[in-house]
Amino acid sequence: MTQHPYFRHNDRLSIPLPAFPHPFEEMAPTDQESVIAVWEAIRARIPDRIQELEQTIQVHLESISQTEDWEQIISCFDEISDMASRIAELNTWQRVDPHLTHETLDEESI
């Protein structure tokens, strides 16, 4: 997907997120249409991203079951916790309506 001026790539979630410079309602109709189209394409990829994270969790769970190294177990649980947090964030973003204002879409508030 090409870079869109109203979206910024989020490294943690591995998807672009809205980064509106002003409220959606103040955008030109053509910009609104573009934002909606791009956001729908991004949202369509979220289930695949969640599945990737779930597969990573499964790998860590298998690793835990095959080791007695306490440090490795703790590390795997830390990774699992991080992956679960990302999944929760992605589920939240999947429900975000592009018509919301830029204050609501501030990724720090999610």
PDB file of N, CA and C in Angstrom:
ATOM      1  N   MET A   1       0.851  -1.179   0.000  1.00  0.00           N
ATOM      2  CA  MET A   1       0.000   0.000   0.000  1.00  0.00           C
ATOM      3  C   MET A   1       0.896   1.242   0.000  1.00  0.00           C
ATOM      4  N   THR A   2       0.579   2.210  -0.819  1.00  0.00           N
ATOM      5  CA  THR A   2       1.365   3.427  -0.886  1.00  0.00           C
ATOM      6  C   THR A   2       1.076   4.300   0.326  1.00  0.00           C
ATOM      7  N   GLN A   3       1.998   5.185   0.621  1.00  0.00           N
ATOM      8  CA  GLN A   3       1.857   6.086   1.756  1.00  0.00           C
ATOM      9  C   GLN A   3       0.719   7.067   1.499  1.00  0.00           C
ATOM     10  N   HIS A   4      -0.127   7.257   2.478  1.00  0.00           N
ATOM     11  CA  HIS A   4      -1.249   8.188   2.387  1.00  0.00           C
ATOM     12  C   HIS A   4      -0.989   9.315   3.387  1.00  0.00           C
ATOM     13  N   PRO A   5      -1.266  10.563   3.027  1.00  0.00           N
ATOM     14  CA  PRO A   5      -0.936  11.679   3.920  1.00  0.00           C
ATOM     15  C   PRO A   5      -1.694  11.671   5.244  1.00  0.00           C
ATOM     16  N   TYR A   6      -2.814  10.964   5.334  1.00  0.00           N
ATOM     17  CA  TYR A   6      -3.596  10.955   6.570  1.00  0.00           C
ATOM     18  C   TYR A   6      -3.381   9.695   7.400  1.00  0.00           C
ATOM     19  N   PHE A   7      -2.352   8.919   7.073  1.00  0.00           N
ATOM     20  CA  PHE A   7      -2.050   7.705   7.824  1.00  0.00           C
ATOM     21  C   PHE A   7      -0.549   7.618   8.073  1.00  0.00           C
ATOM     22  N   ARG A   8      -0.208   7.075   9.235  1.00  0.00           N
ATOM     23  CA  ARG A   8       1.201   6.925   9.608  1.00  0.00           C
ATOM     24  C   ARG A   8       1.409   5.470  10.062  1.00  0.00           C
ATOM     25  N   HIS A   9       2.458   4.828   9.562  1.00  0.00           N
ATOM     26  CA  HIS A   9       2.734   3.431   9.918  1.00  0.00           C
ATOM     27  C   HIS A   9       3.052   3.323  11.409  1.00  0.00           C
ATOM     28  N   ASN A  10       2.421   2.347  12.066  1.00  0.00           N
ATOM     29  CA  ASN A  10       2.679   2.064  13.475  1.00  0.00           C
ATOM     30  C   ASN A  10       3.523   0.789  13.540  1.00  0.00           C
ATOM     31  N   ASP A  11       4.755   0.922  13.986  1.00  0.00           N
ATOM     32  CA  ASP A  11       5.665  -0.224  14.025  1.00  0.00           C
ATOM     33  C   ASP A  11       5.180  -1.315  14.974  1.00  0.00           C
ATOM     34  N   ARG A  12       4.618  -0.922  16.103  1.00  0.00           N
ATOM     35  CA  ARG A  12       4.170  -1.900  17.098  1.00  0.00           C
ATOM     36  C   ARG A  12       3.070  -2.805  16.542  1.00  0.00           C
ATOM     37  N   LEU A  13       2.122  -2.225  15.805  1.00  0.00           N
ATOM     38  CA  LEU A  13       0.999  -2.991  15.284  1.00  0.00           C
ATOM     39  C   LEU A  13       1.214  -3.467  13.851  1.00  0.00           C
ATOM     40  N   SER A  14       2.224  -2.919  13.199  1.00  0.00           N
ATOM     41  CA  SER A  14       2.557  -3.259  11.807  1.00  0.00           C
ATOM     42  C   SER A  14       1.440  -2.929  10.820  1.00  0.00           C
ATOM     43  N   ILE A  15       0.730  -1.838  11.106  1.00  0.00           N
ATOM     44  CA  ILE A  15      -0.282  -1.323  10.183  1.00  0.00           C
ATOM     45  C   ILE A  15      -0.235   0.200  10.225  1.00  0.00           C
ATOM     46  N   PRO A  16      -0.695   0.854   9.163  1.00  0.00           N
ATOM     47  CA  PRO A  16      -0.830   2.318   9.230  1.00  0.00           C
ATOM     48  C   PRO A  16      -2.039   2.680  10.094  1.00  0.00           C
ATOM     49  N   LEU A  17      -1.910   3.774  10.836  1.00  0.00           N
ATOM     50  CA  LEU A  17      -3.012   4.272  11.656  1.00  0.00           C
ATOM     51  C   LEU A  17      -3.347   5.699  11.255  1.00  0.00           C
ATOM     52  N   PRO A  18      -4.589   6.121  11.482  1.00  0.00           N
ATOM     53  CA  PRO A  18      -4.978   7.488  11.131  1.00  0.00           C
ATOM     54  C   PRO A  18      -4.124   8.524  11.861  1.00  0.00           C
ATOM     55  N   ALA A  19      -3.763   9.555  11.141  1.00  0.00           N
ATOM     56  CA  ALA A  19      -3.007  10.681  11.697  1.00  0.00           C
ATOM     57  C   ALA A  19      -3.561  11.951  11.052  1.00  0.00           C
ATOM     58  N   PHE A  20      -4.796  12.277  11.406  1.00  0.00           N
ATOM     59  CA  PHE A  20      -5.477  13.412  10.785  1.00  0.00           C
ATOM     60  C   PHE A  20      -4.923  14.733  11.304  1.00  0.00           C
ATOM     61  N   PRO A  21      -4.598  15.666  10.408  1.00  0.00           N
ATOM     62  CA  PRO A  21      -4.122  16.982  10.842  1.00  0.00           C
ATOM     63  C   PRO A  21      -5.268  17.870  11.326  1.00  0.00           C
ATOM     64  N   HIS A  22      -6.498  17.510  10.956  1.00  0.00           N
ATOM     65  CA  HIS A  22      -7.686  18.258  11.362  1.00  0.00           C
ATOM     66  C   HIS A  22      -8.871  17.303  11.326  1.00  0.00           C
ATOM     67  N   PRO A  23     -10.006  17.687  11.921  1.00  0.00           N
ATOM     68  CA  PRO A  23     -11.151  16.773  11.976  1.00  0.00           C
ATOM     69  C   PRO A  23     -11.597  16.278  10.606  1.00  0.00           C
ATOM     70  N   PHE A  24     -12.051  15.043  10.589  1.00  0.00           N
ATOM     71  CA  PHE A  24     -12.538  14.410   9.377  1.00  0.00           C
ATOM     72  C   PHE A  24     -13.583  15.279   8.683  1.00  0.00           C
ATOM     73  N   GLU A  25     -14.483  15.865   9.482  1.00  0.00           N
ATOM     74  CA  GLU A  25     -15.577  16.673   8.935  1.00  0.00           C
ATOM     75  C   GLU A  25     -15.083  17.896   8.172  1.00  0.00           C
ATOM     76  N   GLU A  26     -13.876  18.353   8.475  1.00  0.00           N
ATOM     77  CA  GLU A  26     -13.312  19.531   7.812  1.00  0.00           C
ATOM     78  C   GLU A  26     -12.543  19.180   6.540  1.00  0.00           C
ATOM     79  N   MET A  27     -12.373  17.905   6.269  1.00  0.00           N
ATOM     80  CA  MET A  27     -11.646  17.494   5.061  1.00  0.00           C
ATOM     81  C   MET A  27     -12.539  17.692   3.834  1.00  0.00           C
ATOM     82  N   ALA A  28     -11.894  17.893   2.715  1.00  0.00           N
ATOM     83  CA  ALA A  28     -12.626  17.977   1.443  1.00  0.00           C
ATOM     84  C   ALA A  28     -13.299  16.628   1.198  1.00  0.00           C
ATOM     85  N   PRO A  29     -14.453  16.633   0.545  1.00  0.00           N
ATOM     86  CA  PRO A  29     -15.153  15.364   0.278  1.00  0.00           C
ATOM     87  C   PRO A  29     -14.279  14.321  -0.421  1.00  0.00           C
ATOM     88  N   THR A  30     -13.432  14.748  -1.334  1.00  0.00           N
ATOM     89  CA  THR A  30     -12.564  13.777  -2.014  1.00  0.00           C
ATOM     90  C   THR A  30     -11.551  13.166  -1.039  1.00  0.00           C
ATOM     91  N   ASP A  31     -11.047  13.990  -0.103  1.00  0.00           N
ATOM     92  CA  ASP A  31     -10.135  13.479   0.924  1.00  0.00           C
ATOM     93  C   ASP A  31     -10.872  12.515   1.850  1.00  0.00           C
ATOM     94  N   GLN A  32     -12.102  12.842   2.217  1.00  0.00           N
ATOM     95  CA  GLN A  32     -12.891  11.946   3.072  1.00  0.00           C
ATOM     96  C   GLN A  32     -13.071  10.588   2.397  1.00  0.00           C
ATOM     97  N   GLU A  33     -13.407  10.606   1.122  1.00  0.00           N
ATOM     98  CA  GLU A  33     -13.582   9.357   0.385  1.00  0.00           C
ATOM     99  C   GLU A  33     -12.286   8.552   0.344  1.00  0.00           C
ATOM    100  N   SER A  34     -11.189   9.248   0.130  1.00  0.00           N
ATOM    101  CA  SER A  34      -9.894   8.593   0.087  1.00  0.00           C
ATOM    102  C   SER A  34      -9.559   7.970   1.443  1.00  0.00           C
ATOM    103  N   VAL A  35      -9.799   8.717   2.518  1.00  0.00           N
ATOM    104  CA  VAL A  35      -9.526   8.216   3.867  1.00  0.00           C
ATOM    105  C   VAL A  35     -10.358   6.969   4.137  1.00  0.00           C
ATOM    106  N   ILE A  36     -11.629   7.008   3.799  1.00  0.00           N
ATOM    107  CA  ILE A  36     -12.511   5.858   4.032  1.00  0.00           C
ATOM    108  C   ILE A  36     -12.018   4.638   3.246  1.00  0.00           C
ATOM    109  N   ALA A  37     -11.655   4.838   2.000  1.00  0.00           N
ATOM    110  CA  ALA A  37     -11.179   3.720   1.175  1.00  0.00           C
ATOM    111  C   ALA A  37      -9.896   3.119   1.741  1.00  0.00           C
ATOM    112  N   VAL A  38      -8.960   3.974   2.122  1.00  0.00           N
ATOM    113  CA  VAL A  38      -7.697   3.489   2.674  1.00  0.00           C
ATOM    114  C   VAL A  38      -7.940   2.788   4.007  1.00  0.00           C
ATOM    115  N   TRP A  39      -8.753   3.390   4.871  1.00  0.00           N
ATOM    116  CA  TRP A  39      -9.006   2.805   6.183  1.00  0.00           C
ATOM    117  C   TRP A  39      -9.701   1.445   6.053  1.00  0.00           C
ATOM    118  N   GLU A  40     -10.634   1.322   5.125  1.00  0.00           N
ATOM    119  CA  GLU A  40     -11.306   0.031   4.929  1.00  0.00           C
ATOM    120  C   GLU A  40     -10.307  -1.030   4.461  1.00  0.00           C
ATOM    121  N   ALA A  41      -9.361  -0.655   3.628  1.00  0.00           N
ATOM    122  CA  ALA A  41      -8.328  -1.598   3.179  1.00  0.00           C
ATOM    123  C   ALA A  41      -7.433  -2.009   4.349  1.00  0.00           C
ATOM    124  N   ILE A  42      -7.092  -1.053   5.202  1.00  0.00           N
ATOM    125  CA  ILE A  42      -6.273  -1.351   6.382  1.00  0.00           C
ATOM    126  C   ILE A  42      -7.047  -2.273   7.324  1.00  0.00           C
ATOM    127  N   ARG A  43      -8.298  -1.917   7.601  1.00  0.00           N
ATOM    128  CA  ARG A  43      -9.124  -2.723   8.504  1.00  0.00           C
ATOM    129  C   ARG A  43      -9.279  -4.151   7.992  1.00  0.00           C
ATOM    130  N   ALA A  44      -9.335  -4.322   6.696  1.00  0.00           N
ATOM    131  CA  ALA A  44      -9.473  -5.662   6.120  1.00  0.00           C
ATOM    132  C   ALA A  44      -8.240  -6.523   6.386  1.00  0.00           C
ATOM    133  N   ARG A  45      -7.085  -5.885   6.600  1.00  0.00           N
ATOM    134  CA  ARG A  45      -5.843  -6.628   6.875  1.00  0.00           C
ATOM    135  C   ARG A  45      -5.669  -6.945   8.352  1.00  0.00           C
ATOM    136  N   ILE A  46      -6.440  -6.313   9.219  1.00  0.00           N
ATOM    137  CA  ILE A  46      -6.260  -6.504  10.664  1.00  0.00           C
ATOM    138  C   ILE A  46      -6.466  -7.956  11.100  1.00  0.00           C
ATOM    139  N   PRO A  47      -7.494  -8.668  10.627  1.00  0.00           N
ATOM    140  CA  PRO A  47      -7.632 -10.076  11.053  1.00  0.00           C
ATOM    141  C   PRO A  47      -6.407 -10.935  10.707  1.00  0.00           C
ATOM    142  N   ASP A  48      -5.789 -10.671   9.563  1.00  0.00           N
ATOM    143  CA  ASP A  48      -4.575 -11.414   9.203  1.00  0.00           C
ATOM    144  C   ASP A  48      -3.439 -11.090  10.163  1.00  0.00           C
ATOM    145  N   ARG A  49      -3.338  -9.833  10.541  1.00  0.00           N
ATOM    146  CA  ARG A  49      -2.289  -9.425  11.481  1.00  0.00           C
ATOM    147  C   ARG A  49      -2.530 -10.077  12.845  1.00  0.00           C
ATOM    148  N   ILE A  50      -3.784 -10.126  13.271  1.00  0.00           N
ATOM    149  CA  ILE A  50      -4.111 -10.778  14.542  1.00  0.00           C
ATOM    150  C   ILE A  50      -3.740 -12.258  14.474  1.00  0.00           C
ATOM    151  N   GLN A  51      -4.032 -12.899  13.367  1.00  0.00           N
ATOM    152  CA  GLN A  51      -3.696 -14.312  13.213  1.00  0.00           C
ATOM    153  C   GLN A  51      -2.183 -14.535  13.293  1.00  0.00           C
ATOM    154  N   GLU A  52      -1.409 -13.639  12.707  1.00  0.00           N
ATOM    155  CA  GLU A  52       0.056 -13.742  12.793  1.00  0.00           C
ATOM    156  C   GLU A  52       0.506 -13.674  14.251  1.00  0.00           C
ATOM    157  N   LEU A  53      -0.072 -12.753  15.006  1.00  0.00           N
ATOM    158  CA  LEU A  53       0.301 -12.620  16.412  1.00  0.00           C
ATOM    159  C   LEU A  53      -0.123 -13.848  17.220  1.00  0.00           C
ATOM    160  N   GLU A  54      -1.291 -14.388  16.910  1.00  0.00           N
ATOM    161  CA  GLU A  54      -1.750 -15.600  17.593  1.00  0.00           C
ATOM    162  C   GLU A  54      -0.812 -16.774  17.307  1.00  0.00           C
ATOM    163  N   GLN A  55      -0.302 -16.857  16.091  1.00  0.00           N
ATOM    164  CA  GLN A  55       0.652 -17.913  15.746  1.00  0.00           C
ATOM    165  C   GLN A  55       1.952 -17.733  16.528  1.00  0.00           C
ATOM    166  N   THR A  56       2.378 -16.496  16.709  1.00  0.00           N
ATOM    167  CA  THR A  56       3.575 -16.223  17.505  1.00  0.00           C
ATOM    168  C   THR A  56       3.346 -16.639  18.951  1.00  0.00           C
ATOM    169  N   ILE A  57       2.173 -16.351  19.477  1.00  0.00           N
ATOM    170  CA  ILE A  57       1.842 -16.786  20.841  1.00  0.00           C
ATOM    171  C   ILE A  57       1.931 -18.306  20.939  1.00  0.00           C
ATOM    172  N   GLN A  58       1.394 -18.994  19.954  1.00  0.00           N
ATOM    173  CA  GLN A  58       1.425 -20.462  19.958  1.00  0.00           C
ATOM    174  C   GLN A  58       2.860 -20.979  19.981  1.00  0.00           C
ATOM    175  N   VAL A  59       3.744 -20.353  19.221  1.00  0.00           N
ATOM    176  CA  VAL A  59       5.151 -20.751  19.214  1.00  0.00           C
ATOM    177  C   VAL A  59       5.748 -20.586  20.610  1.00  0.00           C
ATOM    178  N   HIS A  60       5.436 -19.478  21.266  1.00  0.00           N
ATOM    179  CA  HIS A  60       5.953 -19.257  22.623  1.00  0.00           C
ATOM    180  C   HIS A  60       5.385 -20.274  23.604  1.00  0.00           C
ATOM    181  N   LEU A  61       4.119 -20.610  23.480  1.00  0.00           N
ATOM    182  CA  LEU A  61       3.518 -21.611  24.368  1.00  0.00           C
ATOM    183  C   LEU A  61       4.173 -22.978  24.177  1.00  0.00           C
ATOM    184  N   GLU A  62       4.468 -23.317  22.941  1.00  0.00           N
ATOM    185  CA  GLU A  62       5.161 -24.583  22.673  1.00  0.00           C
ATOM    186  C   GLU A  62       6.563 -24.566  23.265  1.00  0.00           C
ATOM    187  N   SER A  63       7.228 -23.440  23.165  1.00  0.00           N
ATOM    188  CA  SER A  63       8.563 -23.303  23.726  1.00  0.00           C
ATOM    189  C   SER A  63       8.525 -23.469  25.246  1.00  0.00           C
ATOM    190  N   ILE A  64       7.520 -22.876  25.875  1.00  0.00           N
ATOM    191  CA  ILE A  64       7.372 -22.992  27.330  1.00  0.00           C
ATOM    192  C   ILE A  64       7.198 -24.453  27.737  1.00  0.00           C
ATOM    193  N   SER A  65       6.407 -25.180  26.972  1.00  0.00           N
ATOM    194  CA  SER A  65       6.134 -26.577  27.326  1.00  0.00           C
ATOM    195  C   SER A  65       7.340 -27.493  27.125  1.00  0.00           C
ATOM    196  N   GLN A  66       8.347 -27.002  26.408  1.00  0.00           N
ATOM    197  CA  GLN A  66       9.498 -27.842  26.093  1.00  0.00           C
ATOM    198  C   GLN A  66      10.770 -27.439  26.832  1.00  0.00           C
ATOM    199  N   THR A  67      10.648 -26.546  27.798  1.00  0.00           N
ATOM    200  CA  THR A  67      11.852 -26.106  28.498  1.00  0.00           C
ATOM    201  C   THR A  67      11.629 -26.105  30.010  1.00  0.00           C
ATOM    202  N   GLU A  68      12.731 -26.179  30.712  1.00  0.00           N
ATOM    203  CA  GLU A  68      12.703 -26.045  32.169  1.00  0.00           C
ATOM    204  C   GLU A  68      13.503 -24.810  32.592  1.00  0.00           C
ATOM    205  N   ASP A  69      14.003 -24.082  31.600  1.00  0.00           N
ATOM    206  CA  ASP A  69      14.785 -22.871  31.861  1.00  0.00           C
ATOM    207  C   ASP A  69      13.848 -21.741  32.273  1.00  0.00           C
ATOM    208  N   TRP A  70      13.901 -21.386  33.555  1.00  0.00           N
ATOM    209  CA  TRP A  70      12.985 -20.387  34.100  1.00  0.00           C
ATOM    210  C   TRP A  70      13.114 -19.040  33.394  1.00  0.00           C
ATOM    211  N   GLU A  71      14.308 -18.623  33.069  1.00  0.00           N
ATOM    212  CA  GLU A  71      14.512 -17.345  32.374  1.00  0.00           C
ATOM    213  C   GLU A  71      13.850 -17.359  30.993  1.00  0.00           C
ATOM    214  N   GLN A  72      13.955 -18.468  30.300  1.00  0.00           N
ATOM    215  CA  GLN A  72      13.321 -18.581  28.984  1.00  0.00           C
ATOM    216  C   GLN A  72      11.798 -18.574  29.124  1.00  0.00           C
ATOM    217  N   ILE A  73      11.283 -19.222  30.156  1.00  0.00           N
ATOM    218  CA  ILE A  73       9.838 -19.244  30.402  1.00  0.00           C
ATOM    219  C   ILE A  73       9.329 -17.831  30.665  1.00  0.00           C
ATOM    220  N   ILE A  74      10.047 -17.106  31.512  1.00  0.00           N
ATOM    221  CA  ILE A  74       9.656 -15.718  31.814  1.00  0.00           C
ATOM    222  C   ILE A  74       9.685 -14.866  30.551  1.00  0.00           C
ATOM    223  N   SER A  75      10.720 -15.029  29.746  1.00  0.00           N
ATOM    224  CA  SER A  75      10.835 -14.273  28.498  1.00  0.00           C
ATOM    225  C   SER A  75       9.666 -14.588  27.564  1.00  0.00           C
ATOM    226  N   CYS A  76       9.304 -15.850  27.463  1.00  0.00           N
ATOM    227  CA  CYS A  76       8.177 -16.240  26.601  1.00  0.00           C
ATOM    228  C   CYS A  76       6.873 -15.637  27.106  1.00  0.00           C
ATOM    229  N   PHE A  77       6.667 -15.650  28.415  1.00  0.00           N
ATOM    230  CA  PHE A  77       5.445 -15.062  28.955  1.00  0.00           C
ATOM    231  C   PHE A  77       5.405 -13.549  28.737  1.00  0.00           C
ATOM    232  N   ASP A  78       6.564 -12.902  28.809  1.00  0.00           N
ATOM    233  CA  ASP A  78       6.621 -11.470  28.502  1.00  0.00           C
ATOM    234  C   ASP A  78       6.223 -11.222  27.047  1.00  0.00           C
ATOM    235  N   GLU A  79       6.737 -12.038  26.145  1.00  0.00           N
ATOM    236  CA  GLU A  79       6.387 -11.911  24.727  1.00  0.00           C
ATOM    237  C   GLU A  79       4.901 -12.185  24.500  1.00  0.00           C
ATOM    238  N   ILE A  80       4.370 -13.199  25.168  1.00  0.00           N
ATOM    239  CA  ILE A  80       2.951 -13.523  25.035  1.00  0.00           C
ATOM    240  C   ILE A  80       2.102 -12.347  25.510  1.00  0.00           C
ATOM    241  N   SER A  81       2.485 -11.749  26.616  1.00  0.00           N
ATOM    242  CA  SER A  81       1.759 -10.587  27.139  1.00  0.00           C
ATOM    243  C   SER A  81       1.775  -9.439  26.140  1.00  0.00           C
ATOM    244  N   ASP A  82       2.929  -9.195  25.537  1.00  0.00           N
ATOM    245  CA  ASP A  82       3.040  -8.133  24.533  1.00  0.00           C
ATOM    246  C   ASP A  82       2.173  -8.432  23.306  1.00  0.00           C
ATOM    247  N   MET A  83       2.195  -9.671  22.838  1.00  0.00           N
ATOM    248  CA  MET A  83       1.386 -10.053  21.671  1.00  0.00           C
ATOM    249  C   MET A  83      -0.106  -9.908  21.985  1.00  0.00           C
ATOM    250  N   ALA A  84      -0.520 -10.314  23.182  1.00  0.00           N
ATOM    251  CA  ALA A  84      -1.925 -10.197  23.578  1.00  0.00           C
ATOM    252  C   ALA A  84      -2.351  -8.734  23.634  1.00  0.00           C
ATOM    253  N   SER A  85      -1.462  -7.873  24.100  1.00  0.00           N
ATOM    254  CA  SER A  85      -1.745  -6.437  24.139  1.00  0.00           C
ATOM    255  C   SER A  85      -1.915  -5.881  22.725  1.00  0.00           C
ATOM    256  N   ARG A  86      -1.078  -6.316  21.817  1.00  0.00           N
ATOM    257  CA  ARG A  86      -1.189  -5.872  20.422  1.00  0.00           C
ATOM    258  C   ARG A  86      -2.504  -6.339  19.809  1.00  0.00           C
ATOM    259  N   ILE A  87      -2.890  -7.578  20.103  1.00  0.00           N
ATOM    260  CA  ILE A  87      -4.161  -8.100  19.587  1.00  0.00           C
ATOM    261  C   ILE A  87      -5.316  -7.258  20.101  1.00  0.00           C
ATOM    262  N   ALA A  88      -5.288  -6.902  21.368  1.00  0.00           N
ATOM    263  CA  ALA A  88      -6.352  -6.067  21.935  1.00  0.00           C
ATOM    264  C   ALA A  88      -6.407  -4.715  21.233  1.00  0.00           C
ATOM    265  N   GLU A  89      -5.248  -4.113  20.992  1.00  0.00           N
ATOM    266  CA  GLU A  89      -5.206  -2.831  20.288  1.00  0.00           C
ATOM    267  C   GLU A  89      -5.744  -2.959  18.863  1.00  0.00           C
ATOM    268  N   LEU A  90      -5.348  -4.018  18.178  1.00  0.00           N
ATOM    269  CA  LEU A  90      -5.830  -4.223  16.808  1.00  0.00           C
ATOM    270  C   LEU A  90      -7.345  -4.412  16.785  1.00  0.00           C
ATOM    271  N   ASN A  91      -7.877  -5.145  17.756  1.00  0.00           N
ATOM    272  CA  ASN A  91      -9.333  -5.311  17.830  1.00  0.00           C
ATOM    273  C   ASN A  91     -10.028  -3.970  18.043  1.00  0.00           C
ATOM    274  N   THR A  92      -9.424  -3.107  18.845  1.00  0.00           N
ATOM    275  CA  THR A  92      -9.986  -1.771  19.055  1.00  0.00           C
ATOM    276  C   THR A  92      -9.939  -0.964  17.767  1.00  0.00           C
ATOM    277  N   TRP A  93      -8.800  -0.967  17.096  1.00  0.00           N
ATOM    278  CA  TRP A  93      -8.673  -0.207  15.844  1.00  0.00           C
ATOM    279  C   TRP A  93      -9.619  -0.718  14.773  1.00  0.00           C
ATOM    280  N   GLN A  94      -9.896  -2.010  14.770  1.00  0.00           N
ATOM    281  CA  GLN A  94     -10.785  -2.556  13.744  1.00  0.00           C
ATOM    282  C   GLN A  94     -12.195  -1.985  13.871  1.00  0.00           C
ATOM    283  N   ARG A  95     -12.565  -1.557  15.062  1.00  0.00           N
ATOM    284  CA  ARG A  95     -13.903  -1.004  15.281  1.00  0.00           C
ATOM    285  C   ARG A  95     -13.966   0.514  15.081  1.00  0.00           C
ATOM    286  N   VAL A  96     -12.834   1.149  14.841  1.00  0.00           N
ATOM    287  CA  VAL A  96     -12.801   2.604  14.701  1.00  0.00           C
ATOM    288  C   VAL A  96     -13.456   3.035  13.392  1.00  0.00           C
ATOM    289  N   ASP A  97     -14.359   3.981  13.517  1.00  0.00           N
ATOM    290  CA  ASP A  97     -15.067   4.543  12.364  1.00  0.00           C
ATOM    291  C   ASP A  97     -14.251   5.730  11.836  1.00  0.00           C
ATOM    292  N   PRO A  98     -13.977   5.794  10.537  1.00  0.00           N
ATOM    293  CA  PRO A  98     -13.145   6.886  10.009  1.00  0.00           C
ATOM    294  C   PRO A  98     -13.797   8.263  10.134  1.00  0.00           C
ATOM    295  N   HIS A  99     -15.062   8.324  10.469  1.00  0.00           N
ATOM    296  CA  HIS A  99     -15.735   9.608  10.601  1.00  0.00           C
ATOM    297  C   HIS A  99     -15.434  10.288  11.931  1.00  0.00           C
ATOM    298  N   LEU A 100     -14.717   9.614  12.822  1.00  0.00           N
ATOM    299  CA  LEU A 100     -14.406  10.201  14.117  1.00  0.00           C
ATOM    300  C   LEU A 100     -13.400  11.338  13.951  1.00  0.00           C
ATOM    301  N   THR A 101     -13.376  12.220  14.912  1.00  0.00           N
ATOM    302  CA  THR A 101     -12.467  13.358  14.825  1.00  0.00           C
ATOM    303  C   THR A 101     -11.034  12.925  15.114  1.00  0.00           C
ATOM    304  N   HIS A 102     -10.102  13.779  14.751  1.00  0.00           N
ATOM    305  CA  HIS A 102      -8.695  13.461  14.940  1.00  0.00           C
ATOM    306  C   HIS A 102      -8.331  13.288  16.401  1.00  0.00           C
ATOM    307  N   GLU A 103      -9.020  13.969  17.322  1.00  0.00           N
ATOM    308  CA  GLU A 103      -8.731  13.793  18.740  1.00  0.00           C
ATOM    309  C   GLU A 103      -9.048  12.375  19.173  1.00  0.00           C
ATOM    310  N   THR A 104     -10.137  11.811  18.675  1.00  0.00           N
ATOM    311  CA  THR A 104     -10.549  10.465  19.021  1.00  0.00           C
ATOM    312  C   THR A 104      -9.598   9.459  18.418  1.00  0.00           C
ATOM    313  N   LEU A 105      -9.041   9.751  17.277  1.00  0.00           N
ATOM    314  CA  LEU A 105      -8.169   8.812  16.581  1.00  0.00           C
ATOM    315  C   LEU A 105      -6.709   8.929  16.990  1.00  0.00           C
ATOM    316  N   ASP A 106      -6.423   9.739  17.980  1.00  0.00           N
ATOM    317  CA  ASP A 106      -5.063   9.863  18.454  1.00  0.00           C
ATOM    318  C   ASP A 106      -4.610   8.513  19.004  1.00  0.00           C
ATOM    319  N   GLU A 107      -3.603   7.892  18.375  1.00  0.00           N
ATOM    320  CA  GLU A 107      -3.214   6.521  18.740  1.00  0.00           C
ATOM    321  C   GLU A 107      -2.771   6.423  20.197  1.00  0.00           C
ATOM    322  N   GLU A 108      -2.358   7.502  20.805  1.00  0.00           N
ATOM    323  CA  GLU A 108      -1.944   7.441  22.200  1.00  0.00           C
ATOM    324  C   GLU A 108      -3.131   7.245  23.124  1.00  0.00           C
ATOM    325  N   SER A 109      -4.344   7.560  22.667  1.00  0.00           N
ATOM    326  CA  SER A 109      -5.521   7.433  23.511  1.00  0.00           C
ATOM    327  C   SER A 109      -6.117   6.030  23.466  1.00  0.00           C
ATOM    328  N   ILE A 110      -5.642   5.201  22.565  1.00  0.00           N
ATOM    329  CA  ILE A 110      -6.205   3.840  22.435  1.00  0.00           C
ATOM    330  C   ILE A 110      -5.560   2.933  23.452  1.00  0.00           C
TER     331      ILE A 110
END
